[in-house]
C-alpha cells in the first residue's frame, strides 16, 4: 500500500533529502567551521553505512525522490563509494555537494550510477585568498577538478559564499565564468551559524549582488523550478547562468521541500532550526521511526524555524549540518 507523503502543517510536500555523510572535512572554510574546529561526534554515535541506507530507504518509502550527499565533505567518508553505488540503485535523483578536492577519484563511479548534478564550493579565484578562506592550500586542485567535471559532461554549479571585505570584489570575475562555461554560478548570502562570526555588515544581500552585476552587464530574470532555492538570471551572450541564493534577505521558505539528515541520524526540518529529532537510537532498538519523521516534518515552521532574528538563535556549525 502506498504511504502518504511527508507534508507539514503549511501544506508543503517534502521529497528532497539532504544527507550528510560525515562531519569531517579536508578544508576549514571560515563560514562553515569555527577557527578552533569542532568536537567530532563519537564513532558509535555516527550512522553506519548500513544504517544510512536503511534510513534512506525509509525516507524513499515516504515519497523522497531526490537525495543530495553533503558533509562535512562527503567524499572523505571511507564508504562513500559503496554508499553512492547503493543509492544509485534506488529510484531517486542522486546529487552531490562537494568542495571539489577529491572528485577526480570518483568520476567513473558518478557516471556509472548517473550522478550528474554536482555543486562545487569555490569562494575565490585567487590562490592566496583560497588559503585565507579555507585555511588550507588546494585552489588549483579544486579549479582543475571543476574543469574536469565540465569536460566530462556533468551539470556543474559553482557555489560562492560572499563575505564583505574578503571576496565581494570578485563578483564580476565569478559571473564571467558563465560567459564561456556551461555552469551556473551561484552567489550565496553569508548565513549565521555557530562559530562563523557572522554579522549584518559581512553579508552581501541579493539586491547588492544584482546591483554589482548590472553595473557591468544586463541581467535578465530566468525561470525557477517550483522548489528552487536559487533565483536564476541570464546575461545575454553568456553560455551559463547566474544564480542568487538569498536565504537571509529574500527567503524562499514558502516552497521548501527539504529535509536534512545528519550523519548522526538526527533530522532537522529546517536549516536554521535548533530542534532536532534523533532517529538513530530508536532505529537501533527496532522501533518504527516513521511517526517520529512525520511529526518532525509536520511541526515545521512557516519561515526560518519561526525566528525573526537568526543571528541571535542557537544552532550548529554548518559543517555538522551539511547545508
C-alpha atoms as a PDB file:
ATOM      1  CA  UNK A   1       0.000   0.000   0.000  1.00  0.00           C
ATOM      2  CA  UNK A   2       1.318   3.420  -0.987  1.00  0.00           C
ATOM      3  CA  UNK A   3       2.133   5.626   2.002  1.00  0.00           C
ATOM      4  CA  UNK A   4       1.088   9.235   2.472  1.00  0.00           C
ATOM      5  CA  UNK A   5       3.694  11.838   1.562  1.00  0.00           C
ATOM      6  CA  UNK A   6       5.568  13.893   4.144  1.00  0.00           C
ATOM      7  CA  UNK A   7       3.524  17.085   4.477  1.00  0.00           C
ATOM      8  CA  UNK A   8       3.909  19.838   7.053  1.00  0.00           C
ATOM      9  CA  UNK A   9       1.058  21.845   8.591  1.00  0.00           C
ATOM     10  CA  UNK A  10       1.537  24.507   5.911  1.00  0.00           C
ATOM     11  CA  UNK A  11       0.824  22.015   3.132  1.00  0.00           C
ATOM     12  CA  UNK A  12       4.391  21.712   1.830  1.00  0.00           C
ATOM     13  CA  UNK A  13       5.356  18.280   0.489  1.00  0.00           C
ATOM     14  CA  UNK A  14       8.864  17.156   1.491  1.00  0.00           C
ATOM     15  CA  UNK A  15      10.505  14.934  -1.125  1.00  0.00           C
ATOM     16  CA  UNK A  16      14.127  16.107  -1.016  1.00  0.00           C
ATOM     17  CA  UNK A  17      16.597  14.662   1.492  1.00  0.00           C
ATOM     18  CA  UNK A  18      19.961  16.304   2.106  1.00  0.00           C
ATOM     19  CA  UNK A  19      22.090  13.519   3.568  1.00  0.00           C
ATOM     20  CA  UNK A  20      25.232  14.466   5.492  1.00  0.00           C
ATOM     21  CA  UNK A  21      27.694  11.565   5.290  1.00  0.00           C
ATOM     22  CA  UNK A  22      30.255  12.942   7.738  1.00  0.00           C
ATOM     23  CA  UNK A  23      31.210  15.840   9.977  1.00  0.00           C
ATOM     24  CA  UNK A  24      34.786  15.617   8.698  1.00  0.00           C
ATOM     25  CA  UNK A  25      36.270  17.831   6.001  1.00  0.00           C
ATOM     26  CA  UNK A  26      39.658  18.317   4.373  1.00  0.00           C
ATOM     27  CA  UNK A  27      39.172  22.108   4.302  1.00  0.00           C
ATOM     28  CA  UNK A  28      38.385  24.574   7.110  1.00  0.00           C
ATOM     29  CA  UNK A  29      36.190  27.214   5.439  1.00  0.00           C
ATOM     30  CA  UNK A  30      35.623  30.130   7.797  1.00  0.00           C
ATOM     31  CA  UNK A  31      31.871  30.433   7.104  1.00  0.00           C
ATOM     32  CA  UNK A  32      31.390  26.718   7.770  1.00  0.00           C
ATOM     33  CA  UNK A  33      33.769  25.674  10.543  1.00  0.00           C
ATOM     34  CA  UNK A  34      34.846  27.625  13.646  1.00  0.00           C
ATOM     35  CA  UNK A  35      38.523  28.596  13.686  1.00  0.00           C
ATOM     36  CA  UNK A  36      39.112  26.318  16.691  1.00  0.00           C
ATOM     37  CA  UNK A  37      37.498  23.371  14.864  1.00  0.00           C
ATOM     38  CA  UNK A  38      34.695  21.210  16.259  1.00  0.00           C
ATOM     39  CA  UNK A  39      34.400  18.249  18.578  1.00  0.00           C
ATOM     40  CA  UNK A  40      33.557  15.321  16.318  1.00  0.00           C
ATOM     41  CA  UNK A  41      30.744  13.015  17.369  1.00  0.00           C
ATOM     42  CA  UNK A  42      31.987   9.717  18.860  1.00  0.00           C
ATOM     43  CA  UNK A  43      32.143   6.860  16.377  1.00  0.00           C
ATOM     44  CA  UNK A  44      29.281   4.926  17.968  1.00  0.00           C
ATOM     45  CA  UNK A  45      27.030   7.990  17.587  1.00  0.00           C
ATOM     46  CA  UNK A  46      27.532   8.103  13.810  1.00  0.00           C
ATOM     47  CA  UNK A  47      25.347   6.076  11.455  1.00  0.00           C
ATOM     48  CA  UNK A  48      26.991   3.053   9.940  1.00  0.00           C
ATOM     49  CA  UNK A  49      26.904   2.544   6.186  1.00  0.00           C
ATOM     50  CA  UNK A  50      24.029   0.069   6.633  1.00  0.00           C
ATOM     51  CA  UNK A  51      22.079   2.420   8.903  1.00  0.00           C
ATOM     52  CA  UNK A  52      22.387   5.294   6.458  1.00  0.00           C
ATOM     53  CA  UNK A  53      20.972   3.130   3.688  1.00  0.00           C
ATOM     54  CA  UNK A  54      18.168   1.888   5.936  1.00  0.00           C
ATOM     55  CA  UNK A  55      17.223   5.456   6.821  1.00  0.00           C
ATOM     56  CA  UNK A  56      17.324   6.465   3.153  1.00  0.00           C
ATOM     57  CA  UNK A  57      15.027   3.573   2.245  1.00  0.00           C
ATOM     58  CA  UNK A  58      12.538   4.687   4.901  1.00  0.00           C
ATOM     59  CA  UNK A  59      12.538   8.227   3.514  1.00  0.00           C
ATOM     60  CA  UNK A  60      12.159   6.901  -0.040  1.00  0.00           C
ATOM     61  CA  UNK A  61       9.129   4.873   1.084  1.00  0.00           C
ATOM     62  CA  UNK A  62       7.661   8.171   2.348  1.00  0.00           C
ATOM     63  CA  UNK A  63       7.979   9.886  -1.012  1.00  0.00           C
ATOM     64  CA  UNK A  64      11.557  11.196  -1.110  1.00  0.00           C
ATOM     65  CA  UNK A  65      12.707  11.085  -4.726  1.00  0.00           C
ATOM     66  CA  UNK A  66      15.878  13.187  -4.528  1.00  0.00           C
ATOM     67  CA  UNK A  67      18.874  12.701  -2.246  1.00  0.00           C
ATOM     68  CA  UNK A  68      21.828  15.081  -2.177  1.00  0.00           C
ATOM     69  CA  UNK A  69      25.005  13.902  -0.478  1.00  0.00           C
ATOM     70  CA  UNK A  70      26.650  16.546   1.694  1.00  0.00           C
ATOM     71  CA  UNK A  71      29.093  16.730   4.600  1.00  0.00           C
ATOM     72  CA  UNK A  72      31.423  17.996   6.026  1.00  0.00           C
ATOM     73  CA  UNK A  73      32.982  16.853   2.813  1.00  0.00           C
ATOM     74  CA  UNK A  74      31.068  13.742   1.725  1.00  0.00           C
ATOM     75  CA  UNK A  75      33.918  12.299  -0.328  1.00  0.00           C
ATOM     76  CA  UNK A  76      36.183  11.896   2.718  1.00  0.00           C
ATOM     77  CA  UNK A  77      33.897   9.215   4.183  1.00  0.00           C
ATOM     78  CA  UNK A  78      35.567   5.810   3.757  1.00  0.00           C
ATOM     79  CA  UNK A  79      32.450   4.010   2.476  1.00  0.00           C
ATOM     80  CA  UNK A  80      31.372   6.815   0.160  1.00  0.00           C
ATOM     81  CA  UNK A  81      31.909   4.666  -2.944  1.00  0.00           C
ATOM     82  CA  UNK A  82      29.645   1.917  -1.597  1.00  0.00           C
ATOM     83  CA  UNK A  83      27.041   4.438  -0.486  1.00  0.00           C
ATOM     84  CA  UNK A  84      26.947   6.092  -3.908  1.00  0.00           C
ATOM     85  CA  UNK A  85      26.747   2.736  -5.679  1.00  0.00           C
ATOM     86  CA  UNK A  86      23.891   1.525  -3.461  1.00  0.00           C
ATOM     87  CA  UNK A  87      21.905   4.753  -3.634  1.00  0.00           C
ATOM     88  CA  UNK A  88      22.404   4.729  -7.395  1.00  0.00           C
ATOM     89  CA  UNK A  89      20.223   1.616  -7.465  1.00  0.00           C
ATOM     90  CA  UNK A  90      17.344   3.396  -5.737  1.00  0.00           C
ATOM     91  CA  UNK A  91      14.517   5.124  -7.675  1.00  0.00           C
ATOM     92  CA  UNK A  92      15.794   8.608  -6.891  1.00  0.00           C
ATOM     93  CA  UNK A  93      17.712  11.505  -8.352  1.00  0.00           C
ATOM     94  CA  UNK A  94      21.137  11.415  -6.728  1.00  0.00           C
ATOM     95  CA  UNK A  95      23.205  14.604  -6.427  1.00  0.00           C
ATOM     96  CA  UNK A  96      26.321  15.806  -4.623  1.00  0.00           C
ATOM     97  CA  UNK A  97      27.652  18.944  -2.942  1.00  0.00           C
ATOM     98  CA  UNK A  98      31.433  18.908  -2.553  1.00  0.00           C
ATOM     99  CA  UNK A  99      34.459  21.146  -2.151  1.00  0.00           C
ATOM    100  CA  UNK A 100      35.775  19.521  -5.317  1.00  0.00           C
ATOM    101  CA  UNK A 101      39.090  18.391  -3.912  1.00  0.00           C
ATOM    102  CA  UNK A 102      38.550  14.642  -4.446  1.00  0.00           C
ATOM    103  CA  UNK A 103      36.055  14.412  -7.310  1.00  0.00           C
ATOM    104  CA  UNK A 104      38.630  13.221  -9.842  1.00  0.00           C
ATOM    105  CA  UNK A 105      38.827   9.921  -7.907  1.00  0.00           C
ATOM    106  CA  UNK A 106      35.133   9.218  -8.411  1.00  0.00           C
ATOM    107  CA  UNK A 107      34.352  10.418 -11.954  1.00  0.00           C
ATOM    108  CA  UNK A 108      33.766   6.914 -13.332  1.00  0.00           C
ATOM    109  CA  UNK A 109      31.535   5.933 -10.392  1.00  0.00           C
ATOM    110  CA  UNK A 110      29.464   9.111 -10.790  1.00  0.00           C
ATOM    111  CA  UNK A 111      28.905   8.248 -14.449  1.00  0.00           C
ATOM    112  CA  UNK A 112      28.114   4.626 -13.651  1.00  0.00           C
ATOM    113  CA  UNK A 113      25.263   5.492 -11.284  1.00  0.00           C
ATOM    114  CA  UNK A 114      24.031   8.569 -13.142  1.00  0.00           C
ATOM    115  CA  UNK A 115      25.129  11.097 -10.511  1.00  0.00           C
ATOM    116  CA  UNK A 116      25.452  14.026 -12.889  1.00  0.00           C
ATOM    117  CA  UNK A 117      24.381  17.045 -10.805  1.00  0.00           C
ATOM    118  CA  UNK A 118      27.328  18.283  -8.764  1.00  0.00           C
ATOM    119  CA  UNK A 119      27.595  21.513  -6.791  1.00  0.00           C
ATOM    120  CA  UNK A 120      31.159  22.599  -6.058  1.00  0.00           C
ATOM    121  CA  UNK A 121      32.002  25.165  -3.404  1.00  0.00           C
ATOM    122  CA  UNK A 122      34.578  27.701  -4.576  1.00  0.00           C
ATOM    123  CA  UNK A 123      34.651  31.123  -2.924  1.00  0.00           C
ATOM    124  CA  UNK A 124      37.556  32.809  -4.679  1.00  0.00           C
ATOM    125  CA  UNK A 125      39.594  32.666  -7.861  1.00  0.00           C
ATOM    126  CA  UNK A 126      42.728  33.776  -6.005  1.00  0.00           C
ATOM    127  CA  UNK A 127      45.044  31.015  -4.701  1.00  0.00           C
ATOM    128  CA  UNK A 128      46.173  33.305  -1.860  1.00  0.00           C
ATOM    129  CA  UNK A 129      42.622  34.168  -0.864  1.00  0.00           C
ATOM    130  CA  UNK A 130      41.681  30.477  -1.094  1.00  0.00           C
ATOM    131  CA  UNK A 131      44.104  29.820   1.774  1.00  0.00           C
ATOM    132  CA  UNK A 132      42.606  32.737   3.734  1.00  0.00           C
ATOM    133  CA  UNK A 133      39.054  31.394   3.355  1.00  0.00           C
ATOM    134  CA  UNK A 134      39.662  27.639   3.627  1.00  0.00           C
ATOM    135  CA  UNK A 135      42.755  27.725   5.890  1.00  0.00           C
ATOM    136  CA  UNK A 136      44.253  25.146   3.508  1.00  0.00           C
ATOM    137  CA  UNK A 137      46.169  25.013   0.212  1.00  0.00           C
ATOM    138  CA  UNK A 138      44.435  23.498  -2.803  1.00  0.00           C
ATOM    139  CA  UNK A 139      42.957  26.136  -5.104  1.00  0.00           C
ATOM    140  CA  UNK A 140      44.461  24.707  -8.293  1.00  0.00           C
ATOM    141  CA  UNK A 141      43.296  21.172  -7.487  1.00  0.00           C
ATOM    142  CA  UNK A 142      39.719  22.340  -6.939  1.00  0.00           C
ATOM    143  CA  UNK A 143      39.710  24.554 -10.035  1.00  0.00           C
ATOM    144  CA  UNK A 144      41.164  21.775 -12.204  1.00  0.00           C
ATOM    145  CA  UNK A 145      38.538  19.336 -10.923  1.00  0.00           C
ATOM    146  CA  UNK A 146      35.758  21.774 -11.800  1.00  0.00           C
ATOM    147  CA  UNK A 147      37.128  21.950 -15.337  1.00  0.00           C
ATOM    148  CA  UNK A 148      37.348  18.138 -15.399  1.00  0.00           C
ATOM    149  CA  UNK A 149      33.698  17.783 -14.403  1.00  0.00           C
ATOM    150  CA  UNK A 150      32.670  20.221 -17.119  1.00  0.00           C
ATOM    151  CA  UNK A 151      34.704  18.389 -19.782  1.00  0.00           C
ATOM    152  CA  UNK A 152      33.185  15.086 -18.689  1.00  0.00           C
ATOM    153  CA  UNK A 153      29.660  16.419 -19.208  1.00  0.00           C
ATOM    154  CA  UNK A 154      28.473  16.922 -15.625  1.00  0.00           C
ATOM    155  CA  UNK A 155      25.897  19.540 -14.691  1.00  0.00           C
ATOM    156  CA  UNK A 156      28.074  21.791 -12.544  1.00  0.00           C
ATOM    157  CA  UNK A 157      27.020  24.568 -10.213  1.00  0.00           C
ATOM    158  CA  UNK A 158      29.692  26.674  -8.558  1.00  0.00           C
ATOM    159  CA  UNK A 159      28.694  27.891  -5.090  1.00  0.00           C
ATOM    160  CA  UNK A 160      30.296  31.104  -3.851  1.00  0.00           C
ATOM    161  CA  UNK A 161      29.543  32.389  -0.343  1.00  0.00           C
ATOM    162  CA  UNK A 162      30.038  36.148  -0.401  1.00  0.00           C
ATOM    163  CA  UNK A 163      31.681  37.875   2.582  1.00  0.00           C
ATOM    164  CA  UNK A 164      32.227  41.606   2.655  1.00  0.00           C
ATOM    165  CA  UNK A 165      35.857  42.592   2.713  1.00  0.00           C
ATOM    166  CA  UNK A 166      37.015  39.115   1.765  1.00  0.00           C
ATOM    167  CA  UNK A 167      35.685  38.102  -1.665  1.00  0.00           C
ATOM    168  CA  UNK A 168      32.991  40.646  -2.573  1.00  0.00           C
ATOM    169  CA  UNK A 169      35.425  42.210  -5.043  1.00  0.00           C
ATOM    170  CA  UNK A 170      35.216  39.038  -7.180  1.00  0.00           C
ATOM    171  CA  UNK A 171      31.511  39.102  -8.079  1.00  0.00           C
ATOM    172  CA  UNK A 172      32.088  40.158 -11.687  1.00  0.00           C
ATOM    173  CA  UNK A 173      35.014  37.765 -12.114  1.00  0.00           C
ATOM    174  CA  UNK A 174      32.827  34.886 -10.944  1.00  0.00           C
ATOM    175  CA  UNK A 175      29.868  35.959 -13.078  1.00  0.00           C
ATOM    176  CA  UNK A 176      32.167  35.963 -16.105  1.00  0.00           C
ATOM    177  CA  UNK A 177      32.891  32.258 -15.586  1.00  0.00           C
ATOM    178  CA  UNK A 178      29.431  31.738 -17.087  1.00  0.00           C
ATOM    179  CA  UNK A 179      30.424  33.539 -20.271  1.00  0.00           C
ATOM    180  CA  UNK A 180      32.121  30.509 -21.843  1.00  0.00           C
ATOM    181  CA  UNK A 181      31.434  27.702 -19.379  1.00  0.00           C
ATOM    182  CA  UNK A 182      28.113  25.791 -19.243  1.00  0.00           C
ATOM    183  CA  UNK A 183      27.826  26.285 -15.488  1.00  0.00           C
ATOM    184  CA  UNK A 184      25.516  28.010 -13.056  1.00  0.00           C
ATOM    185  CA  UNK A 185      27.493  30.411 -10.884  1.00  0.00           C
ATOM    186  CA  UNK A 186      25.570  30.798  -7.625  1.00  0.00           C
ATOM    187  CA  UNK A 187      26.157  33.656  -5.213  1.00  0.00           C
ATOM    188  CA  UNK A 188      25.097  32.721  -1.664  1.00  0.00           C
ATOM    189  CA  UNK A 189      24.325  35.163   1.119  1.00  0.00           C
ATOM    190  CA  UNK A 190      26.529  34.681   4.186  1.00  0.00           C
ATOM    191  CA  UNK A 191      24.390  32.949   6.851  1.00  0.00           C
ATOM    192  CA  UNK A 192      24.854  32.848  10.648  1.00  0.00           C
ATOM    193  CA  UNK A 193      25.999  29.566  12.170  1.00  0.00           C
ATOM    194  CA  UNK A 194      27.797  28.847  15.396  1.00  0.00           C
ATOM    195  CA  UNK A 195      31.439  29.868  15.268  1.00  0.00           C
ATOM    196  CA  UNK A 196      31.484  31.659  11.889  1.00  0.00           C
ATOM    197  CA  UNK A 197      31.487  35.220  13.296  1.00  0.00           C
ATOM    198  CA  UNK A 198      28.556  36.316  11.182  1.00  0.00           C
ATOM    199  CA  UNK A 199      27.343  39.901  11.239  1.00  0.00           C
ATOM    200  CA  UNK A 200      24.976  42.026   9.162  1.00  0.00           C
ATOM    201  CA  UNK A 201      27.927  44.030   7.961  1.00  0.00           C
ATOM    202  CA  UNK A 202      29.647  40.991   6.461  1.00  0.00           C
ATOM    203  CA  UNK A 203      26.604  39.921   4.446  1.00  0.00           C
ATOM    204  CA  UNK A 204      26.212  40.955   0.818  1.00  0.00           C
ATOM    205  CA  UNK A 205      22.470  40.969   0.093  1.00  0.00           C
ATOM    206  CA  UNK A 206      20.827  39.639  -3.056  1.00  0.00           C
ATOM    207  CA  UNK A 207      19.971  43.166  -4.147  1.00  0.00           C
ATOM    208  CA  UNK A 208      23.554  44.303  -3.730  1.00  0.00           C
ATOM    209  CA  UNK A 209      24.739  41.332  -5.798  1.00  0.00           C
ATOM    210  CA  UNK A 210      22.306  42.276  -8.560  1.00  0.00           C
ATOM    211  CA  UNK A 211      23.460  45.899  -8.389  1.00  0.00           C
ATOM    212  CA  UNK A 212      27.109  44.912  -8.744  1.00  0.00           C
ATOM    213  CA  UNK A 213      26.420  42.752 -11.799  1.00  0.00           C
ATOM    214  CA  UNK A 214      24.027  45.180 -13.512  1.00  0.00           C
ATOM    215  CA  UNK A 215      26.638  47.923 -13.268  1.00  0.00           C
ATOM    216  CA  UNK A 216      28.597  45.854 -15.817  1.00  0.00           C
ATOM    217  CA  UNK A 217      26.081  43.626 -17.596  1.00  0.00           C
ATOM    218  CA  UNK A 218      22.423  43.302 -18.485  1.00  0.00           C
ATOM    219  CA  UNK A 219      20.941  40.784 -16.050  1.00  0.00           C
ATOM    220  CA  UNK A 220      17.731  39.123 -17.219  1.00  0.00           C
ATOM    221  CA  UNK A 221      15.498  37.189 -14.835  1.00  0.00           C
ATOM    222  CA  UNK A 222      15.351  33.476 -15.657  1.00  0.00           C
ATOM    223  CA  UNK A 223      12.934  30.686 -14.797  1.00  0.00           C
ATOM    224  CA  UNK A 224      12.996  28.867 -11.481  1.00  0.00           C
ATOM    225  CA  UNK A 225      11.641  25.399 -10.729  1.00  0.00           C
ATOM    226  CA  UNK A 226       8.853  25.056  -8.141  1.00  0.00           C
ATOM    227  CA  UNK A 227      11.113  24.283  -5.172  1.00  0.00           C
ATOM    228  CA  UNK A 228      14.235  26.162  -6.235  1.00  0.00           C
ATOM    229  CA  UNK A 229      16.276  27.900  -3.570  1.00  0.00           C
ATOM    230  CA  UNK A 230      18.004  29.825  -6.347  1.00  0.00           C
ATOM    231  CA  UNK A 231      16.764  32.844  -8.256  1.00  0.00           C
ATOM    232  CA  UNK A 232      18.125  32.385 -11.776  1.00  0.00           C
ATOM    233  CA  UNK A 233      19.387  35.059 -14.148  1.00  0.00           C
ATOM    234  CA  UNK A 234      20.981  35.182 -17.569  1.00  0.00           C
ATOM    235  CA  UNK A 235      23.426  37.620 -19.113  1.00  0.00           C
ATOM    236  CA  UNK A 236      22.898  37.958 -22.898  1.00  0.00           C
ATOM    237  CA  UNK A 237      25.604  36.152 -24.835  1.00  0.00           C
ATOM    238  CA  UNK A 238      26.688  34.052 -21.843  1.00  0.00           C
ATOM    239  CA  UNK A 239      26.690  30.262 -22.133  1.00  0.00           C
ATOM    240  CA  UNK A 240      25.946  29.589 -18.463  1.00  0.00           C
ATOM    241  CA  UNK A 241      23.611  31.065 -15.862  1.00  0.00           C
ATOM    242  CA  UNK A 242      23.815  33.220 -12.768  1.00  0.00           C
ATOM    243  CA  UNK A 243      22.055  32.209  -9.556  1.00  0.00           C
ATOM    244  CA  UNK A 244      21.474  34.034  -6.278  1.00  0.00           C
ATOM    245  CA  UNK A 245      20.579  32.185  -3.070  1.00  0.00           C
ATOM    246  CA  UNK A 246      19.007  34.835  -0.846  1.00  0.00           C
ATOM    247  CA  UNK A 247      18.480  32.858   2.367  1.00  0.00           C
ATOM    248  CA  UNK A 248      18.649  35.961   4.551  1.00  0.00           C
ATOM    249  CA  UNK A 249      17.233  38.920   2.639  1.00  0.00           C
ATOM    250  CA  UNK A 250      14.649  37.323   0.318  1.00  0.00           C
ATOM    251  CA  UNK A 251      13.715  33.978   1.834  1.00  0.00           C
ATOM    252  CA  UNK A 252      12.182  31.156  -0.227  1.00  0.00           C
ATOM    253  CA  UNK A 253      10.589  29.237   2.637  1.00  0.00           C
ATOM    254  CA  UNK A 254       7.126  29.102   1.090  1.00  0.00           C
ATOM    255  CA  UNK A 255       8.059  26.280  -1.271  1.00  0.00           C
ATOM    256  CA  UNK A 256      10.558  24.433   0.946  1.00  0.00           C
ATOM    257  CA  UNK A 257      10.615  20.673   0.323  1.00  0.00           C
ATOM    258  CA  UNK A 258      13.889  19.828   2.114  1.00  0.00           C
ATOM    259  CA  UNK A 259      14.738  17.510   4.990  1.00  0.00           C
ATOM    260  CA  UNK A 260      18.219  17.355   6.496  1.00  0.00           C
ATOM    261  CA  UNK A 261      19.565  14.078   7.864  1.00  0.00           C
ATOM    262  CA  UNK A 262      22.790  14.440   9.832  1.00  0.00           C
ATOM    263  CA  UNK A 263      25.470  11.768   9.871  1.00  0.00           C
ATOM    264  CA  UNK A 264      24.464  11.070  13.482  1.00  0.00           C
ATOM    265  CA  UNK A 265      20.916  10.115  12.464  1.00  0.00           C
ATOM    266  CA  UNK A 266      19.285  13.334  13.627  1.00  0.00           C
ATOM    267  CA  UNK A 267      16.909  15.165  11.318  1.00  0.00           C
ATOM    268  CA  UNK A 268      16.374  18.903  11.069  1.00  0.00           C
ATOM    269  CA  UNK A 269      13.205  20.146   9.411  1.00  0.00           C
ATOM    270  CA  UNK A 270      14.857  23.497   8.712  1.00  0.00           C
ATOM    271  CA  UNK A 271      18.453  24.582   8.217  1.00  0.00           C
ATOM    272  CA  UNK A 272      18.006  27.221  10.922  1.00  0.00           C
ATOM    273  CA  UNK A 273      16.031  25.120  13.391  1.00  0.00           C
ATOM    274  CA  UNK A 274      17.649  24.376  16.771  1.00  0.00           C
ATOM    275  CA  UNK A 275      15.224  21.475  17.202  1.00  0.00           C
ATOM    276  CA  UNK A 276      16.339  18.028  16.055  1.00  0.00           C
ATOM    277  CA  UNK A 277      14.762  14.584  16.095  1.00  0.00           C
ATOM    278  CA  UNK A 278      17.133  11.717  16.842  1.00  0.00           C
ATOM    279  CA  UNK A 279      16.271   8.687  14.707  1.00  0.00           C
ATOM    280  CA  UNK A 280      19.327   6.561  15.412  1.00  0.00           C
ATOM    281  CA  UNK A 281      18.613   5.152  18.921  1.00  0.00           C
ATOM    282  CA  UNK A 282      15.043   4.049  18.073  1.00  0.00           C
ATOM    283  CA  UNK A 283      16.254   2.661  14.732  1.00  0.00           C
ATOM    284  CA  UNK A 284      18.890   0.571  16.534  1.00  0.00           C
ATOM    285  CA  UNK A 285      16.280  -0.654  19.017  1.00  0.00           C
ATOM    286  CA  UNK A 286      13.983  -1.787  16.232  1.00  0.00           C
ATOM    287  CA  UNK A 287      11.226   0.787  16.684  1.00  0.00           C
ATOM    288  CA  UNK A 288       9.132   2.200  13.870  1.00  0.00           C
ATOM    289  CA  UNK A 289      10.623   5.654  13.262  1.00  0.00           C
ATOM    290  CA  UNK A 290       8.061   6.770  10.671  1.00  0.00           C
ATOM    291  CA  UNK A 291       5.916   8.574  13.307  1.00  0.00           C
ATOM    292  CA  UNK A 292       8.998  10.480  14.502  1.00  0.00           C
ATOM    293  CA  UNK A 293       9.764  11.599  10.955  1.00  0.00           C
ATOM    294  CA  UNK A 294       6.182  12.617  10.243  1.00  0.00           C
ATOM    295  CA  UNK A 295       5.904  14.559  13.500  1.00  0.00           C
ATOM    296  CA  UNK A 296       9.143  16.441  12.845  1.00  0.00           C
ATOM    297  CA  UNK A 297       8.073  17.471   9.350  1.00  0.00           C
ATOM    298  CA  UNK A 298       4.539  18.357  10.388  1.00  0.00           C
ATOM    299  CA  UNK A 299       5.833  20.756  13.080  1.00  0.00           C
ATOM    300  CA  UNK A 300       7.987  22.703  10.624  1.00  0.00           C
ATOM    301  CA  UNK A 301       7.604  26.458  10.954  1.00  0.00           C
ATOM    302  CA  UNK A 302       6.419  28.602   8.072  1.00  0.00           C
ATOM    303  CA  UNK A 303       9.678  30.529   7.808  1.00  0.00           C
ATOM    304  CA  UNK A 304      13.246  30.367   9.175  1.00  0.00           C
ATOM    305  CA  UNK A 305      12.318  27.977  12.005  1.00  0.00           C
ATOM    306  CA  UNK A 306       9.914  30.602  13.363  1.00  0.00           C
ATOM    307  CA  UNK A 307      12.716  33.051  14.166  1.00  0.00           C
ATOM    308  CA  UNK A 308      12.883  36.643  13.032  1.00  0.00           C
ATOM    309  CA  UNK A 309      16.412  37.374  14.239  1.00  0.00           C
ATOM    310  CA  UNK A 310      18.537  34.460  13.060  1.00  0.00           C
ATOM    311  CA  UNK A 311      21.738  35.982  14.391  1.00  0.00           C
ATOM    312  CA  UNK A 312      20.529  35.527  17.986  1.00  0.00           C
ATOM    313  CA  UNK A 313      19.415  31.909  17.780  1.00  0.00           C
ATOM    314  CA  UNK A 314      21.418  28.867  18.787  1.00  0.00           C
ATOM    315  CA  UNK A 315      22.296  26.395  16.048  1.00  0.00           C
ATOM    316  CA  UNK A 316      25.075  24.060  14.991  1.00  0.00           C
ATOM    317  CA  UNK A 317      28.138  24.895  12.971  1.00  0.00           C
ATOM    318  CA  UNK A 318      27.369  24.493   9.285  1.00  0.00           C
ATOM    319  CA  UNK A 319      29.883  21.669   8.899  1.00  0.00           C
ATOM    320  CA  UNK A 320      27.800  19.364  11.118  1.00  0.00           C
ATOM    321  CA  UNK A 321      24.560  20.117   9.241  1.00  0.00           C
ATOM    322  CA  UNK A 322      25.583  19.741   5.613  1.00  0.00           C
ATOM    323  CA  UNK A 323      23.823  22.848   4.277  1.00  0.00           C
END
